[in-house]
N, C-alpha and C. Protein backbone atom coordinates (compact mmCIF):
# COMPACT_ATOMS: atom_id res chain seq x y z
N MET A 1 -74.85 -87.11 3.63
CA MET A 1 -74.95 -85.51 3.60
C MET A 1 -76.48 -85.41 2.72
N SER A 2 -77.33 -84.72 3.61
CA SER A 2 -78.59 -84.23 3.42
C SER A 2 -78.51 -83.21 2.68
N GLU A 3 -79.82 -83.22 2.02
CA GLU A 3 -80.01 -81.97 1.16
C GLU A 3 -81.38 -81.06 1.93
N ALA A 4 -81.20 -81.35 3.14
CA ALA A 4 -82.35 -80.76 3.98
C ALA A 4 -82.03 -79.70 3.97
N PRO A 5 -83.19 -78.57 3.72
CA PRO A 5 -82.94 -77.00 3.68
C PRO A 5 -82.45 -76.59 5.04
N ASN A 6 -81.54 -75.62 4.77
CA ASN A 6 -80.84 -75.06 6.24
C ASN A 6 -81.25 -73.67 6.14
N SER A 7 -80.53 -72.76 7.15
CA SER A 7 -80.61 -71.11 7.25
C SER A 7 -80.15 -70.60 6.06
N GLY A 8 -80.46 -69.29 5.62
CA GLY A 8 -79.64 -68.21 5.00
C GLY A 8 -78.50 -68.74 4.59
N GLY A 9 -77.52 -68.75 5.43
CA GLY A 9 -76.20 -69.06 5.20
C GLY A 9 -75.88 -70.07 4.52
N SER A 10 -76.71 -71.38 4.04
CA SER A 10 -76.26 -72.34 3.52
C SER A 10 -76.55 -72.01 1.80
N ALA A 11 -77.67 -71.31 1.87
CA ALA A 11 -77.95 -70.69 0.37
C ALA A 11 -76.76 -70.26 -0.25
N ALA A 12 -75.82 -69.37 0.67
CA ALA A 12 -74.51 -68.79 -0.21
C ALA A 12 -73.77 -69.87 -0.14
N ALA A 13 -73.45 -70.85 0.58
CA ALA A 13 -72.40 -71.60 0.43
C ALA A 13 -72.82 -72.81 -0.83
N GLU A 14 -74.45 -72.57 -0.94
CA GLU A 14 -74.57 -73.58 -1.91
C GLU A 14 -74.29 -72.79 -3.46
N SER A 15 -74.11 -71.58 -3.50
CA SER A 15 -74.04 -70.88 -4.92
C SER A 15 -72.48 -70.59 -5.27
N ARG A 16 -71.57 -70.82 -4.00
CA ARG A 16 -70.00 -70.71 -4.32
C ARG A 16 -69.63 -71.92 -5.33
N PRO A 17 -70.17 -73.43 -5.01
CA PRO A 17 -69.59 -74.30 -5.71
C PRO A 17 -69.84 -74.15 -7.24
N VAL A 18 -70.96 -73.71 -7.32
CA VAL A 18 -71.82 -73.76 -8.42
C VAL A 18 -70.65 -72.61 -9.44
N ARG A 19 -70.62 -71.26 -8.96
CA ARG A 19 -69.93 -70.30 -9.36
C ARG A 19 -68.38 -70.60 -9.63
N LEU A 20 -67.80 -71.38 -8.53
CA LEU A 20 -66.42 -72.23 -8.70
C LEU A 20 -66.41 -73.12 -9.91
N ARG A 21 -67.41 -73.67 -9.83
CA ARG A 21 -67.32 -74.75 -11.21
C ARG A 21 -67.43 -74.21 -12.54
N ASP A 22 -68.26 -73.38 -12.60
CA ASP A 22 -68.54 -72.10 -13.61
C ASP A 22 -67.04 -71.84 -14.19
N ALA A 23 -66.49 -71.06 -13.16
CA ALA A 23 -65.16 -70.58 -13.09
C ALA A 23 -63.84 -71.63 -13.74
N LEU A 24 -64.12 -72.51 -13.08
CA LEU A 24 -63.17 -73.65 -13.32
C LEU A 24 -63.38 -73.96 -15.00
N ARG A 25 -64.57 -74.11 -15.25
CA ARG A 25 -65.11 -74.55 -16.79
C ARG A 25 -64.70 -73.44 -17.96
N GLN A 26 -64.70 -72.08 -16.98
CA GLN A 26 -64.49 -70.93 -18.12
C GLN A 26 -62.92 -71.11 -18.05
N ALA A 27 -61.92 -71.55 -17.17
CA ALA A 27 -60.68 -71.14 -17.18
C ALA A 27 -60.28 -72.56 -18.00
N ARG A 28 -60.98 -73.75 -17.89
CA ARG A 28 -60.34 -74.86 -19.10
C ARG A 28 -60.90 -74.13 -20.47
N ILE A 29 -61.73 -73.75 -20.80
CA ILE A 29 -62.26 -73.00 -22.12
C ILE A 29 -61.15 -72.04 -22.62
N GLU A 30 -60.58 -71.13 -21.72
CA GLU A 30 -59.78 -70.20 -21.97
C GLU A 30 -58.39 -71.11 -22.38
N ALA A 31 -58.10 -72.18 -21.51
CA ALA A 31 -56.77 -72.55 -21.66
C ALA A 31 -56.50 -73.19 -22.81
N ALA A 32 -57.51 -73.92 -23.37
CA ALA A 32 -57.92 -74.39 -24.37
C ALA A 32 -57.93 -73.69 -25.54
N ASP A 33 -58.41 -72.52 -25.46
CA ASP A 33 -58.58 -71.34 -26.51
C ASP A 33 -56.86 -71.15 -26.92
N ARG A 34 -56.25 -70.72 -25.65
CA ARG A 34 -54.80 -70.31 -25.71
C ARG A 34 -53.80 -71.64 -26.36
N THR A 35 -54.36 -72.76 -26.10
CA THR A 35 -53.57 -73.86 -26.59
C THR A 35 -53.63 -73.69 -27.88
N GLY A 36 -54.89 -73.63 -28.55
CA GLY A 36 -55.08 -73.56 -29.81
C GLY A 36 -54.37 -72.68 -30.55
N VAL A 37 -54.26 -71.32 -30.27
CA VAL A 37 -53.79 -70.32 -30.70
C VAL A 37 -52.26 -70.56 -30.51
N VAL A 38 -51.90 -71.41 -29.84
CA VAL A 38 -50.17 -71.60 -29.88
C VAL A 38 -50.13 -72.62 -30.89
N VAL A 39 -51.00 -73.19 -30.82
CA VAL A 39 -50.87 -74.36 -31.78
C VAL A 39 -50.75 -73.95 -33.51
N ASP A 40 -51.71 -73.04 -33.47
CA ASP A 40 -51.88 -72.32 -34.53
C ASP A 40 -50.72 -71.59 -35.12
N LEU A 41 -50.13 -71.10 -33.71
CA LEU A 41 -48.91 -70.16 -34.47
C LEU A 41 -47.88 -70.82 -35.01
N ARG A 42 -47.52 -72.27 -34.14
CA ARG A 42 -46.73 -73.04 -34.46
C ARG A 42 -46.90 -73.71 -36.01
N ASP A 43 -48.02 -74.06 -36.09
CA ASP A 43 -48.27 -74.28 -37.67
C ASP A 43 -48.11 -73.38 -38.58
N ALA A 44 -48.26 -72.28 -38.21
CA ALA A 44 -47.67 -70.75 -39.30
C ALA A 44 -46.35 -71.00 -39.43
N GLU A 45 -45.82 -71.14 -38.19
CA GLU A 45 -44.32 -71.06 -38.31
C GLU A 45 -43.51 -72.04 -39.29
N VAL A 46 -44.04 -73.43 -38.94
CA VAL A 46 -43.79 -74.76 -39.91
C VAL A 46 -44.15 -74.56 -41.31
N ALA A 47 -45.00 -73.74 -41.60
CA ALA A 47 -45.59 -73.59 -42.90
C ALA A 47 -44.88 -72.57 -43.45
N ARG A 48 -44.15 -71.18 -42.84
CA ARG A 48 -43.21 -70.48 -43.41
C ARG A 48 -42.37 -70.75 -43.43
N LEU A 49 -41.35 -71.91 -42.72
CA LEU A 49 -40.24 -72.56 -43.01
C LEU A 49 -40.07 -73.61 -44.07
N ASP A 50 -41.87 -74.07 -44.18
CA ASP A 50 -41.72 -75.24 -45.32
C ASP A 50 -41.47 -74.27 -46.54
N ILE A 51 -41.94 -73.57 -46.86
CA ILE A 51 -42.21 -72.24 -48.19
C ILE A 51 -40.61 -71.98 -48.44
N LEU A 52 -40.12 -71.80 -47.18
CA LEU A 52 -38.50 -71.26 -47.02
C LEU A 52 -37.62 -72.58 -47.79
N ASN A 53 -38.23 -73.56 -47.54
CA ASN A 53 -37.18 -74.95 -47.58
C ASN A 53 -37.20 -75.32 -49.10
N GLU A 54 -38.76 -74.90 -49.72
CA GLU A 54 -39.07 -74.95 -51.33
C GLU A 54 -38.30 -74.14 -51.94
N ALA A 55 -38.21 -72.81 -51.41
CA ALA A 55 -37.13 -71.78 -51.91
C ALA A 55 -35.73 -72.00 -52.14
N LEU A 56 -35.27 -73.08 -51.26
CA LEU A 56 -33.98 -73.54 -51.14
C LEU A 56 -33.69 -74.72 -52.01
N ASP A 57 -34.70 -75.47 -52.66
CA ASP A 57 -34.35 -76.38 -53.24
C ASP A 57 -33.51 -76.26 -54.20
N PRO A 58 -33.88 -75.39 -55.15
CA PRO A 58 -32.50 -75.16 -56.34
C PRO A 58 -31.36 -74.81 -55.77
N LEU A 59 -31.19 -74.61 -54.87
CA LEU A 59 -29.58 -74.03 -54.10
C LEU A 59 -29.26 -75.49 -53.80
N PHE A 60 -29.84 -76.23 -53.26
CA PHE A 60 -29.37 -77.52 -52.77
C PHE A 60 -29.18 -78.38 -54.13
N ALA A 61 -30.00 -78.12 -55.04
CA ALA A 61 -29.75 -79.22 -56.09
C ALA A 61 -28.54 -79.27 -57.07
N GLN A 62 -27.83 -77.87 -56.41
CA GLN A 62 -26.57 -77.49 -57.48
C GLN A 62 -25.19 -78.02 -56.61
N VAL A 63 -25.53 -78.28 -55.31
CA VAL A 63 -24.53 -79.21 -54.28
C VAL A 63 -24.16 -80.38 -54.87
N PRO A 64 -22.84 -80.81 -55.13
CA PRO A 64 -22.59 -82.09 -55.64
C PRO A 64 -23.03 -83.16 -54.82
N GLU A 65 -23.37 -84.30 -55.14
CA GLU A 65 -23.61 -85.26 -54.16
C GLU A 65 -22.62 -85.69 -53.08
N GLN A 66 -21.14 -85.93 -53.60
CA GLN A 66 -20.13 -86.08 -52.87
C GLN A 66 -19.91 -85.28 -51.79
N ILE A 67 -20.72 -84.17 -51.61
CA ILE A 67 -20.33 -82.93 -50.50
C ILE A 67 -21.22 -83.21 -49.41
N ASP A 68 -21.03 -83.93 -48.47
CA ASP A 68 -22.08 -84.39 -47.19
C ASP A 68 -22.02 -83.23 -46.16
N LEU A 69 -21.82 -82.04 -46.33
CA LEU A 69 -21.79 -81.18 -45.26
C LEU A 69 -23.33 -80.89 -44.86
N PHE A 70 -24.30 -80.88 -45.82
CA PHE A 70 -25.31 -80.31 -45.57
C PHE A 70 -26.32 -81.43 -45.09
N ASP A 71 -27.43 -80.80 -44.42
CA ASP A 71 -28.37 -82.23 -43.80
C ASP A 71 -29.57 -81.30 -43.76
N ARG A 72 -30.15 -80.99 -44.75
CA ARG A 72 -31.67 -79.84 -44.36
C ARG A 72 -32.93 -80.62 -44.32
N GLY A 73 -33.50 -79.94 -43.18
CA GLY A 73 -34.74 -80.45 -42.83
C GLY A 73 -35.63 -79.75 -41.86
N ILE A 74 -36.59 -79.61 -41.38
CA ILE A 74 -37.59 -79.27 -40.58
C ILE A 74 -37.89 -79.92 -39.46
N SER A 75 -37.12 -79.41 -38.31
CA SER A 75 -37.40 -80.23 -36.93
C SER A 75 -38.66 -79.75 -36.22
N GLN A 76 -39.65 -80.68 -35.80
CA GLN A 76 -40.71 -80.33 -35.38
C GLN A 76 -40.74 -80.12 -33.97
N GLY A 77 -39.73 -79.16 -33.08
CA GLY A 77 -39.34 -79.28 -31.48
C GLY A 77 -40.45 -78.03 -31.13
N GLU A 78 -40.43 -77.95 -29.88
CA GLU A 78 -40.99 -76.97 -29.37
C GLU A 78 -41.03 -75.48 -30.16
N THR A 79 -39.46 -75.07 -30.56
CA THR A 79 -39.07 -74.02 -31.59
C THR A 79 -39.00 -74.78 -33.00
N PRO A 80 -40.03 -74.62 -33.90
CA PRO A 80 -39.44 -75.33 -35.33
C PRO A 80 -38.40 -74.89 -35.74
N ARG A 81 -37.26 -75.22 -36.53
CA ARG A 81 -36.33 -74.93 -37.10
C ARG A 81 -36.18 -75.55 -38.46
N LEU A 82 -35.72 -74.79 -39.54
CA LEU A 82 -35.15 -75.44 -40.54
C LEU A 82 -33.65 -75.46 -40.70
N TRP A 83 -33.03 -76.75 -40.42
CA TRP A 83 -31.83 -76.85 -40.43
C TRP A 83 -31.12 -76.79 -41.83
N VAL A 84 -30.33 -76.19 -41.70
CA VAL A 84 -29.17 -75.84 -43.40
C VAL A 84 -28.04 -77.17 -42.91
N ASP A 85 -27.49 -77.34 -42.05
CA ASP A 85 -26.38 -78.18 -41.55
C ASP A 85 -26.27 -78.30 -40.07
N SER A 86 -25.28 -78.93 -39.38
CA SER A 86 -25.32 -79.16 -38.03
C SER A 86 -25.16 -77.91 -37.15
N VAL A 87 -24.93 -77.17 -37.74
CA VAL A 87 -24.44 -75.66 -36.94
C VAL A 87 -25.35 -74.65 -37.06
N ALA A 88 -25.84 -74.61 -38.34
CA ALA A 88 -26.65 -73.51 -38.98
C ALA A 88 -28.31 -73.70 -39.11
N HIS A 89 -29.10 -73.02 -38.65
CA HIS A 89 -30.38 -73.22 -38.81
C HIS A 89 -31.22 -71.99 -38.99
N VAL A 90 -32.49 -71.86 -39.57
CA VAL A 90 -33.66 -70.61 -39.76
C VAL A 90 -34.33 -70.79 -38.73
N THR A 91 -34.77 -69.89 -38.04
CA THR A 91 -35.93 -70.21 -37.20
C THR A 91 -36.70 -68.70 -37.37
N MET A 92 -38.07 -68.51 -36.84
CA MET A 92 -38.68 -67.47 -36.90
C MET A 92 -38.81 -66.63 -35.80
N GLY A 93 -38.57 -65.27 -35.96
CA GLY A 93 -38.61 -64.41 -34.80
C GLY A 93 -39.71 -64.53 -34.06
N ARG A 94 -39.56 -63.65 -32.90
CA ARG A 94 -40.44 -63.60 -31.76
C ARG A 94 -42.11 -63.15 -32.54
N ASP A 95 -41.84 -62.33 -33.28
CA ASP A 95 -43.14 -62.05 -34.16
C ASP A 95 -43.82 -62.93 -35.25
N LYS A 96 -43.15 -64.03 -35.35
CA LYS A 96 -43.39 -65.10 -36.26
C LYS A 96 -43.51 -64.76 -37.55
N ARG A 97 -42.92 -63.80 -38.00
CA ARG A 97 -43.23 -63.09 -39.35
C ARG A 97 -41.44 -62.72 -39.90
N ILE A 98 -40.64 -62.75 -39.13
CA ILE A 98 -39.16 -62.46 -39.36
C ILE A 98 -38.16 -63.81 -39.46
N TYR A 99 -37.81 -64.09 -40.22
CA TYR A 99 -36.86 -65.29 -40.62
C TYR A 99 -35.57 -64.70 -39.85
N ARG A 100 -35.07 -65.61 -39.11
CA ARG A 100 -33.71 -65.44 -38.67
C ARG A 100 -32.93 -66.73 -38.65
N PHE A 101 -31.82 -66.43 -39.66
CA PHE A 101 -30.60 -67.63 -40.13
C PHE A 101 -29.57 -67.00 -38.66
N VAL A 102 -28.99 -68.12 -38.14
CA VAL A 102 -28.04 -68.31 -37.18
C VAL A 102 -27.39 -69.51 -37.36
N GLN A 103 -26.20 -69.21 -36.63
CA GLN A 103 -25.38 -70.14 -36.52
C GLN A 103 -24.62 -70.42 -35.10
N ASP A 104 -24.54 -71.57 -34.66
CA ASP A 104 -23.90 -72.10 -33.35
C ASP A 104 -22.69 -71.81 -33.52
N THR A 105 -21.95 -71.27 -32.72
CA THR A 105 -20.57 -71.10 -32.37
C THR A 105 -20.13 -71.41 -31.18
N ARG A 106 -18.35 -71.58 -30.64
CA ARG A 106 -17.79 -71.76 -29.70
C ARG A 106 -18.44 -70.87 -28.62
N PHE A 107 -18.84 -69.82 -29.28
CA PHE A 107 -19.19 -68.48 -28.47
C PHE A 107 -20.34 -68.19 -28.35
N GLY A 108 -21.49 -69.13 -28.33
CA GLY A 108 -22.66 -68.66 -28.73
C GLY A 108 -23.01 -68.84 -30.11
N ARG A 109 -24.51 -68.08 -30.06
CA ARG A 109 -25.43 -68.36 -31.72
C ARG A 109 -25.16 -66.88 -32.21
N THR A 110 -24.76 -66.55 -33.43
CA THR A 110 -24.72 -65.80 -34.11
C THR A 110 -25.39 -65.63 -35.31
N VAL A 111 -26.20 -64.34 -35.12
CA VAL A 111 -27.43 -64.26 -36.33
C VAL A 111 -26.68 -63.97 -37.50
N LEU A 112 -26.93 -64.55 -38.56
CA LEU A 112 -26.22 -64.59 -39.86
C LEU A 112 -26.99 -63.64 -40.56
N ALA A 113 -28.26 -63.73 -40.86
CA ALA A 113 -28.99 -63.12 -41.31
C ALA A 113 -30.61 -62.86 -40.66
N GLU A 114 -31.34 -61.63 -40.91
CA GLU A 114 -32.63 -61.62 -40.39
C GLU A 114 -33.52 -60.88 -41.25
N SER A 115 -34.49 -61.00 -41.58
CA SER A 115 -35.37 -60.60 -42.65
C SER A 115 -36.84 -60.91 -42.76
N HIS A 116 -37.85 -60.22 -43.27
CA HIS A 116 -39.43 -60.61 -43.67
C HIS A 116 -39.31 -61.25 -44.99
N ASP A 117 -38.37 -61.13 -45.72
CA ASP A 117 -38.38 -61.39 -47.31
C ASP A 117 -37.45 -62.78 -47.20
N ALA A 118 -38.45 -63.90 -47.65
CA ALA A 118 -37.45 -65.08 -47.99
C ALA A 118 -36.45 -65.07 -48.76
N GLN A 119 -36.71 -64.50 -49.54
CA GLN A 119 -35.68 -64.42 -50.78
C GLN A 119 -34.27 -63.43 -50.11
N ALA A 120 -34.07 -62.79 -49.17
CA ALA A 120 -33.05 -62.05 -48.53
C ALA A 120 -32.39 -63.62 -47.73
N ILE A 121 -33.02 -64.15 -46.98
CA ILE A 121 -32.64 -65.42 -46.57
C ILE A 121 -31.88 -66.54 -47.43
N VAL A 122 -32.79 -66.60 -48.70
CA VAL A 122 -32.20 -67.79 -49.51
C VAL A 122 -30.72 -67.22 -50.06
N GLU A 123 -30.59 -66.09 -49.82
CA GLU A 123 -29.46 -65.44 -50.57
C GLU A 123 -28.14 -65.50 -49.37
N ALA A 124 -28.75 -65.20 -48.36
CA ALA A 124 -27.60 -65.60 -47.03
C ALA A 124 -27.08 -67.19 -46.95
N VAL A 125 -28.09 -67.89 -47.01
CA VAL A 125 -28.26 -69.44 -46.98
C VAL A 125 -27.38 -69.88 -48.09
N THR A 126 -27.19 -68.87 -49.50
CA THR A 126 -26.49 -69.38 -50.25
C THR A 126 -24.99 -68.76 -50.29
N ASN A 127 -24.86 -67.79 -49.58
CA ASN A 127 -23.35 -67.50 -49.18
C ASN A 127 -22.63 -68.06 -47.97
N TYR A 128 -23.85 -68.48 -47.32
CA TYR A 128 -23.24 -69.72 -46.06
C TYR A 128 -22.90 -70.68 -46.95
N VAL A 129 -23.30 -71.44 -47.84
CA VAL A 129 -23.18 -72.95 -48.25
C VAL A 129 -21.88 -72.55 -49.05
N ALA A 130 -21.87 -71.58 -49.94
CA ALA A 130 -20.66 -71.25 -50.85
C ALA A 130 -19.40 -71.33 -49.83
N ARG A 131 -19.34 -70.29 -48.57
CA ARG A 131 -18.45 -70.24 -47.59
C ARG A 131 -17.95 -71.73 -46.87
N ARG A 132 -19.05 -72.32 -46.51
CA ARG A 132 -18.83 -73.96 -46.19
C ARG A 132 -18.25 -74.56 -47.12
N MET A 133 -18.60 -74.42 -48.67
CA MET A 133 -17.74 -75.53 -49.57
C MET A 133 -16.40 -75.07 -49.61
N VAL A 134 -15.77 -73.84 -49.54
CA VAL A 134 -14.64 -73.38 -49.84
C VAL A 134 -13.85 -73.98 -48.38
N GLU A 135 -14.53 -73.58 -47.46
CA GLU A 135 -13.55 -74.21 -45.94
C GLU A 135 -13.55 -75.63 -46.29
N ARG A 136 -14.32 -76.44 -46.95
CA ARG A 136 -14.28 -77.75 -47.20
C ARG A 136 -13.24 -78.03 -47.60
N GLU A 137 -13.12 -77.24 -49.21
CA GLU A 137 -12.01 -77.38 -50.17
C GLU A 137 -10.63 -77.28 -49.37
N ARG A 138 -10.72 -76.24 -48.74
CA ARG A 138 -9.31 -75.87 -48.22
C ARG A 138 -8.84 -76.90 -47.19
N ALA A 139 -9.75 -77.41 -46.60
CA ALA A 139 -9.31 -78.46 -45.64
C ALA A 139 -8.38 -79.85 -45.97
N LEU A 140 -9.39 -80.27 -47.25
CA LEU A 140 -9.06 -81.28 -48.05
C LEU A 140 -8.06 -81.14 -48.81
N VAL A 141 -7.15 -80.02 -49.15
CA VAL A 141 -6.22 -79.73 -49.76
C VAL A 141 -4.92 -80.21 -48.99
N PRO A 142 -3.85 -81.30 -49.63
CA PRO A 142 -2.94 -82.14 -49.21
C PRO A 142 -2.02 -80.88 -48.71
N THR A 143 -1.64 -80.61 -47.51
CA THR A 143 -0.34 -79.44 -47.01
C THR A 143 0.99 -80.70 -47.37
N GLN A 144 1.69 -79.89 -47.84
CA GLN A 144 3.21 -80.47 -48.14
C GLN A 144 3.87 -80.98 -46.84
N ALA A 145 4.38 -81.75 -46.57
CA ALA A 145 5.19 -82.17 -45.41
C ALA A 145 6.32 -81.24 -45.17
N PRO A 146 6.83 -80.90 -43.87
CA PRO A 146 8.00 -79.72 -44.04
C PRO A 146 9.07 -80.36 -44.30
N VAL A 147 10.01 -80.05 -45.04
CA VAL A 147 11.54 -80.26 -45.35
C VAL A 147 12.57 -80.21 -44.53
N PRO A 148 13.14 -81.41 -44.02
CA PRO A 148 14.19 -81.46 -42.82
C PRO A 148 15.13 -80.65 -43.27
N VAL A 149 15.65 -79.46 -42.33
CA VAL A 149 17.04 -78.72 -42.42
C VAL A 149 17.86 -79.58 -42.36
N THR A 150 18.72 -79.56 -43.29
CA THR A 150 19.87 -80.69 -43.32
C THR A 150 21.06 -79.45 -42.90
N ALA A 151 22.04 -80.00 -42.14
CA ALA A 151 23.12 -78.94 -41.57
C ALA A 151 24.26 -78.98 -42.84
N GLY A 152 24.83 -78.26 -43.14
CA GLY A 152 25.70 -77.56 -44.01
C GLY A 152 26.91 -78.71 -43.68
N LYS A 153 27.42 -78.40 -42.41
CA LYS A 153 28.60 -79.64 -42.26
C LYS A 153 28.24 -81.08 -41.53
N LYS A 154 28.86 -81.83 -41.94
CA LYS A 154 28.36 -83.14 -41.23
C LYS A 154 29.04 -83.15 -39.95
N ARG A 155 28.63 -83.36 -38.68
CA ARG A 155 29.04 -83.41 -37.33
C ARG A 155 30.06 -84.43 -37.23
N ARG A 156 31.01 -83.97 -36.75
CA ARG A 156 32.16 -85.03 -36.28
C ARG A 156 31.76 -86.02 -35.06
N SER A 157 32.51 -87.09 -35.06
CA SER A 157 32.16 -88.05 -34.16
C SER A 157 32.97 -87.64 -32.69
N ARG A 158 32.30 -88.06 -31.60
CA ARG A 158 32.69 -87.53 -30.36
C ARG A 158 33.84 -88.38 -29.69
N PHE A 159 33.81 -89.77 -30.71
CA PHE A 159 34.73 -90.82 -29.87
C PHE A 159 36.03 -90.42 -30.03
N TRP A 160 36.28 -89.61 -31.14
CA TRP A 160 37.83 -89.44 -31.12
C TRP A 160 37.92 -88.31 -30.18
N THR A 161 37.51 -87.29 -29.94
CA THR A 161 37.67 -86.48 -29.06
C THR A 161 37.90 -87.05 -27.69
N PHE A 162 36.96 -88.07 -27.49
CA PHE A 162 36.94 -88.92 -26.12
C PHE A 162 38.38 -89.58 -25.98
N ALA A 163 38.80 -90.09 -27.16
CA ALA A 163 39.89 -91.11 -26.81
C ALA A 163 40.82 -90.17 -26.62
N LEU A 164 41.17 -88.92 -27.27
CA LEU A 164 42.25 -88.28 -27.20
C LEU A 164 42.26 -87.35 -25.72
N GLY A 165 41.16 -87.07 -25.37
CA GLY A 165 41.13 -86.71 -23.83
C GLY A 165 41.58 -87.70 -22.83
N PHE A 166 41.01 -88.92 -23.13
CA PHE A 166 41.39 -90.14 -22.22
C PHE A 166 42.80 -90.17 -22.48
N ILE A 167 43.35 -90.32 -23.61
CA ILE A 167 44.91 -90.64 -23.54
C ILE A 167 45.77 -89.42 -22.99
N PHE A 168 45.32 -88.09 -23.06
CA PHE A 168 46.01 -86.98 -22.56
C PHE A 168 45.70 -87.02 -21.28
N GLY A 169 44.79 -87.44 -20.53
CA GLY A 169 44.38 -87.35 -19.29
C GLY A 169 44.97 -88.93 -18.41
N ALA A 170 45.64 -89.62 -19.21
CA ALA A 170 46.23 -90.63 -18.69
C ALA A 170 47.53 -90.41 -18.42
N ALA A 171 48.30 -89.75 -19.72
CA ALA A 171 49.51 -89.62 -19.69
C ALA A 171 49.94 -88.42 -18.72
N ALA A 172 48.67 -87.59 -18.29
CA ALA A 172 48.89 -86.53 -17.52
C ALA A 172 48.89 -87.30 -15.83
N LEU A 173 48.13 -88.22 -15.52
CA LEU A 173 48.33 -88.78 -14.22
C LEU A 173 49.47 -89.75 -14.21
N PHE A 174 49.85 -90.35 -15.27
CA PHE A 174 51.23 -91.38 -15.24
C PHE A 174 52.34 -90.16 -15.11
N GLY A 175 52.47 -88.73 -15.59
CA GLY A 175 53.45 -87.85 -15.39
C GLY A 175 53.35 -87.42 -13.95
N PHE A 176 52.14 -87.11 -13.30
CA PHE A 176 52.01 -86.76 -11.90
C PHE A 176 52.87 -87.71 -10.96
N ALA A 177 52.36 -89.02 -11.15
CA ALA A 177 52.78 -90.21 -10.54
C ALA A 177 54.30 -90.56 -10.71
N LEU A 178 55.05 -90.43 -11.49
CA LEU A 178 56.27 -90.32 -11.98
C LEU A 178 56.79 -88.92 -11.10
N TYR A 179 56.27 -88.00 -11.31
CA TYR A 179 57.04 -86.66 -10.44
C TYR A 179 57.04 -86.93 -9.26
N ALA A 180 55.95 -87.59 -8.61
CA ALA A 180 55.89 -87.57 -6.98
C ALA A 180 57.10 -88.80 -6.92
N ALA A 181 57.34 -89.69 -7.60
CA ALA A 181 57.71 -91.13 -7.29
C ALA A 181 59.11 -90.49 -7.30
N LEU A 182 59.92 -89.70 -8.39
CA LEU A 182 61.11 -89.21 -8.52
C LEU A 182 61.25 -88.00 -7.33
N ARG A 183 60.52 -87.23 -6.61
CA ARG A 183 60.75 -86.36 -5.66
C ARG A 183 60.89 -87.14 -4.43
N THR A 184 60.13 -88.13 -4.22
CA THR A 184 60.28 -88.63 -2.59
C THR A 184 61.59 -89.75 -3.35
N LEU A 185 62.31 -89.75 -3.83
CA LEU A 185 63.69 -90.47 -3.92
C LEU A 185 64.70 -89.30 -3.47
């Protein structure tokens, strides 16, 4: 391709790639800025969840070591979450300033508490932990085996009923045979 000068139409064609190139460059810069903002927001979410995690330290220090219901930690996924146990976690609201304490159930996700204040979420998590510990205690209490119901009367053996019925039946057949034999005589 030669760079020979052309008519006026080529000057317009020559200016388009430069404009498109500049527009692509500008679009890439804007996308990088947006990505940077998203990363900054995500880092801010993780930092707020980390502050809440530290506020929960005294609560989980009181949980006995033999109780292994709770597995607390921050997940670094697309949506950062502070997990309390396998079904409950704290996430940030849409505006990234509201803490939302939720529990996954068979019927969907249930919001247990929602607040701008970390202390309100600490209280909600404390109540949740207490309820879970009570549920665990109730599940571990041994239940008494049901006492079998004994009948007041002892059941009689059916053998004697059968034997007596058989004897009367045989006697009746013998009687009918005797009657039929005497009648034919």
